Amino acid sequence: MNKLFFPILLAIGTSAMAQSTSNLSSSDHATITLGAGCFWCVEAVFEAIPGVLSGESGYSGGHIKNPGYREVCTGRTGHAEVVQLTYDVSKVSLADILEVFFATHDPTTLNRQGADVGTQYRSAIYWHDPSQVEDIEQAVEQAQANWPNPIVTEVKAFEAFYPAEDYHQAYYELNKEAPYCRAVIAPKMAKFQKEFGARFELD
């Protein structure tokens, strides 16, 4: 496993732990924030998983409060496009979610996914509770065995999430005939269906 991850993963600050409490709405629900390129793609994939209760596209990991899409696209806010997931831990595990995460994007390309280039498209995992750290470490290690190049996924404690504009939410569901959806998201969904359809009993 790349040594880069351990100092980040083990840096559990007091504020992060305090904030994590508010992000676990019940003993059966947990939250994780993931960046894997364009949030339209990420939201489409994870909302198809039974046990994922909600997925909201937004911005996280940066230093500007309440950023907008145009600001984030400049690459100067430090934020990544992310999807914040709330899931039922009795129905889907974080390990399963992270397996899908690493299988449906390239975690070895720094600040890039396909034709989408910029720090806002970086691969990222922002954990909400220290109990998630071990699962993340194991997922990174297991995923690394499937990639010839080092995984460069940013892993750190969640700090803040800013919801994206309304037109970004459920984008694939509402715009399946749009060129980007047909050219990029639909093939990703087909790959996801082929690899994980049987496990998750997808239609």
Foldseek 3Di string as FASTA:
>chain_A
DDPVVVVQLPPDDPVLAVQLVVQAPDPFKHKKKWFFFQVLQVQVLVVLFPFFPDKFWFWFQFDDPQDAPVVVLVQPGRIATIIMIMGGCVRDNPLRVLLLVLVLFPQQDAQDTVPRHHNNRHTEIAHRHSVCSVSVVVSLVVSCVVDPGHGPYHYHHTDDTHTYDPCSPNVCVVCCPDPCNVPPNVVSNVVSCVVCCVVRVGD
